Amino acid sequence: MKTQSKYLEEINRLLADYLKEIEQSDLKPLSAQVYQVQSKNFVRWINGEFTPGQVKKSKKQSQDKLQG
């Protein structure tokens, strides 16, 4: 998916605010990391830079080639 740049600028601004709020929260470090990674991945997805499951799929294909 590719989002128009005029919308992406606002989304990135909001993401930065969200990430600051996570940092200032009382979340445990691992929980905070999950919130951060998932929100960043969502923004990457709407910008056409991320496909859910792509890393997992490529790792499995690499393992299959090694075993093949």
N, C-alpha and C. Protein backbone atom coordinates (compact mmCIF):
# COMPACT_ATOMS: atom_id res chain seq x y z
N MET A 1 0.84 -1.18 0.00
CA MET A 1 0.00 0.00 0.00
C MET A 1 0.88 1.23 0.00
N LYS A 2 0.51 2.23 -0.72
CA LYS A 2 1.26 3.48 -0.76
C LYS A 2 0.30 4.62 -0.44
N THR A 3 0.64 5.43 0.55
CA THR A 3 -0.20 6.53 0.99
C THR A 3 0.34 7.84 0.42
N GLN A 4 -0.54 8.75 0.11
CA GLN A 4 -0.13 10.05 -0.42
C GLN A 4 0.73 10.78 0.60
N SER A 5 1.75 11.48 0.10
CA SER A 5 2.71 12.13 0.98
C SER A 5 2.08 13.16 1.92
N LYS A 6 1.03 13.84 1.47
CA LYS A 6 0.40 14.84 2.35
C LYS A 6 -0.19 14.18 3.60
N TYR A 7 -0.67 12.96 3.47
CA TYR A 7 -1.20 12.24 4.62
C TYR A 7 -0.07 11.61 5.44
N LEU A 8 0.95 11.14 4.75
CA LEU A 8 2.06 10.47 5.44
C LEU A 8 2.80 11.42 6.36
N GLU A 9 2.93 12.68 5.99
CA GLU A 9 3.58 13.66 6.86
C GLU A 9 2.85 13.77 8.20
N GLU A 10 1.54 13.85 8.15
CA GLU A 10 0.75 13.94 9.38
C GLU A 10 0.82 12.64 10.18
N ILE A 11 0.79 11.53 9.49
CA ILE A 11 0.88 10.23 10.16
C ILE A 11 2.22 10.11 10.87
N ASN A 12 3.30 10.52 10.23
CA ASN A 12 4.63 10.46 10.86
C ASN A 12 4.72 11.39 12.06
N ARG A 13 4.07 12.54 11.98
CA ARG A 13 4.05 13.46 13.13
C ARG A 13 3.31 12.81 14.30
N LEU A 14 2.17 12.20 13.99
CA LEU A 14 1.40 11.53 15.03
C LEU A 14 2.14 10.32 15.60
N LEU A 15 2.85 9.60 14.75
CA LEU A 15 3.65 8.46 15.22
C LEU A 15 4.71 8.94 16.21
N ALA A 16 5.38 10.03 15.89
CA ALA A 16 6.40 10.56 16.79
C ALA A 16 5.80 10.91 18.15
N ASP A 17 4.62 11.53 18.14
CA ASP A 17 3.93 11.84 19.40
C ASP A 17 3.59 10.56 20.17
N TYR A 18 3.12 9.57 19.45
CA TYR A 18 2.75 8.28 20.06
C TYR A 18 3.97 7.62 20.68
N LEU A 19 5.09 7.63 19.96
CA LEU A 19 6.31 7.00 20.48
C LEU A 19 6.81 7.71 21.74
N LYS A 20 6.69 9.03 21.76
CA LYS A 20 7.06 9.79 22.96
C LYS A 20 6.18 9.39 24.15
N GLU A 21 4.89 9.24 23.87
CA GLU A 21 3.96 8.85 24.94
C GLU A 21 4.30 7.46 25.48
N ILE A 22 4.69 6.56 24.60
CA ILE A 22 5.09 5.21 25.04
C ILE A 22 6.32 5.32 25.94
N GLU A 23 7.30 6.13 25.52
CA GLU A 23 8.52 6.30 26.32
C GLU A 23 8.23 6.86 27.70
N GLN A 24 7.24 7.72 27.80
CA GLN A 24 6.90 8.36 29.07
C GLN A 24 5.94 7.54 29.92
N SER A 25 5.47 6.43 29.37
CA SER A 25 4.52 5.60 30.10
C SER A 25 5.23 4.73 31.13
N ASP A 26 4.44 4.00 31.89
CA ASP A 26 5.02 3.07 32.86
C ASP A 26 4.99 1.63 32.34
N LEU A 27 4.98 1.49 31.03
CA LEU A 27 5.01 0.15 30.44
C LEU A 27 6.34 -0.53 30.73
N LYS A 28 6.30 -1.83 30.87
CA LYS A 28 7.54 -2.58 31.01
C LYS A 28 8.29 -2.49 29.68
N PRO A 29 9.62 -2.59 29.71
CA PRO A 29 10.41 -2.42 28.48
C PRO A 29 9.98 -3.30 27.30
N LEU A 30 9.69 -4.55 27.55
CA LEU A 30 9.29 -5.43 26.46
C LEU A 30 7.94 -5.01 25.88
N SER A 31 7.02 -4.64 26.73
CA SER A 31 5.71 -4.18 26.26
C SER A 31 5.86 -2.90 25.44
N ALA A 32 6.67 -1.97 25.92
CA ALA A 32 6.90 -0.73 25.18
C ALA A 32 7.51 -1.01 23.82
N GLN A 33 8.43 -1.95 23.78
CA GLN A 33 9.07 -2.31 22.51
C GLN A 33 8.04 -2.87 21.52
N VAL A 34 7.13 -3.70 21.99
CA VAL A 34 6.10 -4.26 21.12
C VAL A 34 5.23 -3.14 20.55
N TYR A 35 4.79 -2.23 21.40
CA TYR A 35 3.99 -1.09 20.94
C TYR A 35 4.74 -0.30 19.87
N GLN A 36 6.01 -0.04 20.11
CA GLN A 36 6.81 0.76 19.18
C GLN A 36 7.01 0.05 17.84
N VAL A 37 7.41 -1.20 17.90
CA VAL A 37 7.68 -1.94 16.66
C VAL A 37 6.42 -2.08 15.82
N GLN A 38 5.32 -2.43 16.46
CA GLN A 38 4.09 -2.64 15.70
C GLN A 38 3.58 -1.35 15.07
N SER A 39 3.66 -0.25 15.79
CA SER A 39 3.20 1.02 15.21
C SER A 39 4.11 1.48 14.08
N LYS A 40 5.42 1.29 14.25
CA LYS A 40 6.35 1.64 13.16
C LYS A 40 6.10 0.77 11.93
N ASN A 41 5.85 -0.51 12.15
CA ASN A 41 5.57 -1.40 11.02
C ASN A 41 4.29 -0.99 10.30
N PHE A 42 3.28 -0.54 11.04
CA PHE A 42 2.05 -0.09 10.40
C PHE A 42 2.32 1.11 9.50
N VAL A 43 3.09 2.06 9.99
CA VAL A 43 3.41 3.24 9.19
C VAL A 43 4.26 2.83 7.98
N ARG A 44 5.17 1.91 8.16
CA ARG A 44 5.95 1.41 7.02
C ARG A 44 5.03 0.74 6.00
N TRP A 45 4.02 0.02 6.47
CA TRP A 45 3.08 -0.66 5.58
C TRP A 45 2.28 0.34 4.75
N ILE A 46 1.76 1.40 5.39
CA ILE A 46 0.97 2.36 4.63
C ILE A 46 1.83 3.18 3.68
N ASN A 47 3.15 3.14 3.87
CA ASN A 47 4.07 3.83 2.97
C ASN A 47 4.63 2.87 1.91
N GLY A 48 4.16 1.62 1.91
CA GLY A 48 4.62 0.66 0.91
C GLY A 48 5.99 0.08 1.18
N GLU A 49 6.46 0.15 2.42
CA GLU A 49 7.80 -0.31 2.78
C GLU A 49 7.81 -1.58 3.61
N PHE A 50 6.66 -2.18 3.84
CA PHE A 50 6.59 -3.33 4.75
C PHE A 50 5.45 -4.23 4.31
N THR A 51 5.71 -5.53 4.37
CA THR A 51 4.68 -6.53 4.11
C THR A 51 4.62 -7.46 5.31
N PRO A 52 3.47 -7.55 5.98
CA PRO A 52 3.37 -8.43 7.15
C PRO A 52 3.75 -9.87 6.79
N GLY A 53 4.58 -10.46 7.63
CA GLY A 53 5.01 -11.84 7.43
C GLY A 53 6.13 -12.02 6.44
N GLN A 54 6.61 -10.96 5.82
CA GLN A 54 7.65 -11.07 4.80
C GLN A 54 8.95 -11.62 5.36
N VAL A 55 9.37 -11.16 6.51
CA VAL A 55 10.62 -11.63 7.11
C VAL A 55 10.50 -13.11 7.45
N LYS A 56 9.39 -13.49 8.04
CA LYS A 56 9.17 -14.89 8.41
C LYS A 56 9.17 -15.78 7.16
N LYS A 57 8.54 -15.31 6.11
CA LYS A 57 8.46 -16.08 4.86
C LYS A 57 9.85 -16.24 4.25
N SER A 58 10.65 -15.18 4.22
CA SER A 58 11.97 -15.27 3.62
C SER A 58 12.90 -16.16 4.45
N LYS A 59 12.75 -16.14 5.78
CA LYS A 59 13.54 -17.03 6.63
C LYS A 59 13.19 -18.49 6.35
N LYS A 60 11.89 -18.78 6.20
CA LYS A 60 11.46 -20.14 5.93
C LYS A 60 11.99 -20.60 4.57
N GLN A 61 11.96 -19.74 3.57
CA GLN A 61 12.45 -20.10 2.25
C GLN A 61 13.95 -20.39 2.30
N SER A 62 14.70 -19.60 3.08
CA SER A 62 16.13 -19.83 3.22
C SER A 62 16.40 -21.17 3.90
N GLN A 63 15.62 -21.50 4.93
CA GLN A 63 15.79 -22.77 5.62
C GLN A 63 15.46 -23.93 4.70
N ASP A 64 14.40 -23.79 3.91
CA ASP A 64 14.01 -24.84 2.98
C ASP A 64 15.10 -25.10 1.95
N LYS A 65 15.76 -24.04 1.48
CA LYS A 65 16.84 -24.19 0.50
C LYS A 65 18.02 -24.93 1.12
N LEU A 66 18.33 -24.61 2.39
CA LEU A 66 19.45 -25.27 3.05
C LEU A 66 19.17 -26.76 3.28
N GLN A 67 17.91 -27.10 3.55
CA GLN A 67 17.54 -28.49 3.82
C GLN A 67 17.34 -29.26 2.53
N GLY A 68 17.00 -28.53 1.43
CA GLY A 68 16.62 -29.13 0.16
C GLY A 68 17.69 -29.90 -0.48
